[in-house]
C-alpha atoms as a PDB file:
ATOM      1  CA  MET A   1     103.090  86.682  86.094  1.00  0.00           C
ATOM      2  CA  THR A   2     100.768  85.781  88.927  1.00  0.00           C
ATOM      3  CA  ALA A   3     100.864  87.002  92.521  1.00  0.00           C
ATOM      4  CA  SER A   4     102.163  83.606  93.631  1.00  0.00           C
ATOM      5  CA  ASP A   5     104.985  83.770  91.053  1.00  0.00           C
ATOM      6  CA  LEU A   6     105.959  87.196  92.352  1.00  0.00           C
ATOM      7  CA  LYS A   7     105.900  85.959  95.954  1.00  0.00           C
ATOM      8  CA  PHE A   8     108.129  83.016  94.994  1.00  0.00           C
ATOM      9  CA  ARG A   9     110.651  85.244  93.207  1.00  0.00           C
ATOM     10  CA  VAL A  10     110.793  87.752  96.076  1.00  0.00           C
ATOM     11  CA  GLU A  11     111.483  84.932  98.536  1.00  0.00           C
ATOM     12  CA  LEU A  12     113.972  83.262  96.159  1.00  0.00           C
ATOM     13  CA  ALA A  13     115.907  86.522  95.813  1.00  0.00           C
ATOM     14  CA  GLY A  14     116.403  86.463  99.585  1.00  0.00           C
ATOM     15  CA  HIS A  15     114.583  89.664 100.446  1.00  0.00           C
ATOM     16  CA  ASP A  16     113.176  89.681 103.960  1.00  0.00           C
ATOM     17  CA  SER A  17     109.774  90.937 102.879  1.00  0.00           C
ATOM     18  CA  LYS A  18     107.168  90.803 105.625  1.00  0.00           C
ATOM     19  CA  PHE A  19     104.588  91.638 102.971  1.00  0.00           C
ATOM     20  CA  PHE A  20     103.716  88.011 102.201  1.00  0.00           C
ATOM     21  CA  THR A  21     103.760  86.503 105.710  1.00  0.00           C
ATOM     22  CA  ARG A  22     100.608  84.891 107.017  1.00  0.00           C
ATOM     23  CA  GLU A  23     100.553  87.144 110.055  1.00  0.00           C
ATOM     24  CA  THR A  24     100.708  90.328 107.967  1.00  0.00           C
ATOM     25  CA  MET A  25      98.060  89.139 105.540  1.00  0.00           C
ATOM     26  CA  ARG A  26      95.802  88.038 108.393  1.00  0.00           C
ATOM     27  CA  PHE A  27      96.242  91.425 110.107  1.00  0.00           C
ATOM     28  CA  PHE A  28      95.038  93.247 106.975  1.00  0.00           C
ATOM     29  CA  GLY A  29      92.320  90.678 106.256  1.00  0.00           C
ATOM     30  CA  ASP A  30      93.918  89.693 102.965  1.00  0.00           C
ATOM     31  CA  THR A  31      94.540  86.515 100.944  1.00  0.00           C
ATOM     32  CA  MET A  32      96.752  85.713  97.955  1.00  0.00           C
ATOM     33  CA  ARG A  33      93.577  85.283  95.904  1.00  0.00           C
ATOM     34  CA  ASN A  34      92.863  89.011  96.296  1.00  0.00           C
ATOM     35  CA  TYR A  35      96.120  90.046  94.576  1.00  0.00           C
ATOM     36  CA  GLY A  36      96.839  90.707  90.913  1.00  0.00           C
ATOM     37  CA  VAL A  37     100.071  91.716  89.159  1.00  0.00           C
ATOM     38  CA  ARG A  38     100.621  94.389  86.528  1.00  0.00           C
ATOM     39  CA  GLY A  39     103.814  95.071  84.754  1.00  0.00           C
ATOM     40  CA  PRO A  40     106.580  95.573  84.566  1.00  0.00           C
ATOM     41  CA  ILE A  41     105.763  99.289  84.564  1.00  0.00           C
ATOM     42  CA  GLU A  42     107.976 102.332  85.041  1.00  0.00           C
ATOM     43  CA  VAL A  43     107.829 103.660  88.607  1.00  0.00           C
ATOM     44  CA  GLU A  44     109.457 106.874  89.764  1.00  0.00           C
ATOM     45  CA  THR A  45     111.084 106.586  93.181  1.00  0.00           C
ATOM     46  CA  PRO A  46     112.503 109.581  95.077  1.00  0.00           C
ATOM     47  CA  THR A  47     115.972 108.858  93.628  1.00  0.00           C
ATOM     48  CA  ARG A  48     115.449 107.220  90.216  1.00  0.00           C
ATOM     49  CA  LYS A  49     113.071 105.515  87.795  1.00  0.00           C
ATOM     50  CA  VAL A  50     112.823 101.723  87.830  1.00  0.00           C
ATOM     51  CA  MET A  51     110.866  99.036  86.041  1.00  0.00           C
ATOM     52  CA  ALA A  52     108.697  97.321  88.619  1.00  0.00           C
ATOM     53  CA  TYR A  53     105.826  94.914  89.038  1.00  0.00           C
ATOM     54  CA  GLU A  54     102.722  96.359  90.679  1.00  0.00           C
ATOM     55  CA  LEU A  55     101.030  94.038  93.147  1.00  0.00           C
ATOM     56  CA  TYR A  56      97.500  95.392  93.471  1.00  0.00           C
ATOM     57  CA  ARG A  57      94.470  94.410  95.523  1.00  0.00           C
ATOM     58  CA  ARG A  58      91.395  93.457  93.532  1.00  0.00           C
ATOM     59  CA  ARG A  59      89.011  94.301  96.382  1.00  0.00           C
ATOM     60  CA  PRO A  60      89.480  96.570  99.394  1.00  0.00           C
ATOM     61  CA  VAL A  61      90.397  94.890 102.668  1.00  0.00           C
ATOM     62  CA  LYS A  62      90.287  95.963 106.313  1.00  0.00           C
ATOM     63  CA  ASN A  63      89.752  99.726 106.776  1.00  0.00           C
ATOM     64  CA  ASN A  64      89.118 100.083 103.020  1.00  0.00           C
ATOM     65  CA  ASN A  65      92.813  99.531 102.214  1.00  0.00           C
ATOM     66  CA  GLN A  66      93.310  99.099  98.468  1.00  0.00           C
ATOM     67  CA  SER A  67      96.906 100.276  98.091  1.00  0.00           C
ATOM     68  CA  SER A  68      99.440  98.659  95.766  1.00  0.00           C
ATOM     69  CA  ALA A  69     102.973  97.427  96.427  1.00  0.00           C
ATOM     70  CA  TYR A  70     105.809  97.676  93.905  1.00  0.00           C
ATOM     71  CA  PHE A  71     108.692  95.229  93.394  1.00  0.00           C
ATOM     72  CA  ASP A  72     111.766  95.876  91.220  1.00  0.00           C
ATOM     73  CA  ALA A  73     111.595  93.803  88.026  1.00  0.00           C
ATOM     74  CA  GLU A  74     115.302  92.862  88.192  1.00  0.00           C
ATOM     75  CA  THR A  75     116.085  92.386  91.885  1.00  0.00           C
ATOM     76  CA  PHE A  76     112.550  91.777  93.223  1.00  0.00           C
ATOM     77  CA  ALA A  77     113.251  94.155  96.103  1.00  0.00           C
ATOM     78  CA  ARG A  78     110.341  96.289  97.284  1.00  0.00           C
ATOM     79  CA  VAL A  79     110.401  99.836  95.898  1.00  0.00           C
ATOM     80  CA  PHE A  80     108.443 102.797  97.168  1.00  0.00           C
ATOM     81  CA  PRO A  81     107.138 105.209  94.531  1.00  0.00           C
ATOM     82  CA  LYS A  82     107.414 108.961  94.813  1.00  0.00           C
ATOM     83  CA  ARG A  83     104.217 110.519  96.135  1.00  0.00           C
END
């Protein structure tokens, strides 16, 4: 799966994710080309374990941000892993 495929499926599922908007990506100095997808992998959230796709940044962006985002493999909703 590519980053564009994941974006399409998140939008198709009807989730109001601000993650992929132009304004958000411009704010962080990011482009779709800078994203890669791993998974599905098992991610532990505060309440349960889920299979999720990891959307990672290949290169750091503004303020050295290189964090990943996780999306549920079944519902394509954004999940937040336990820290």
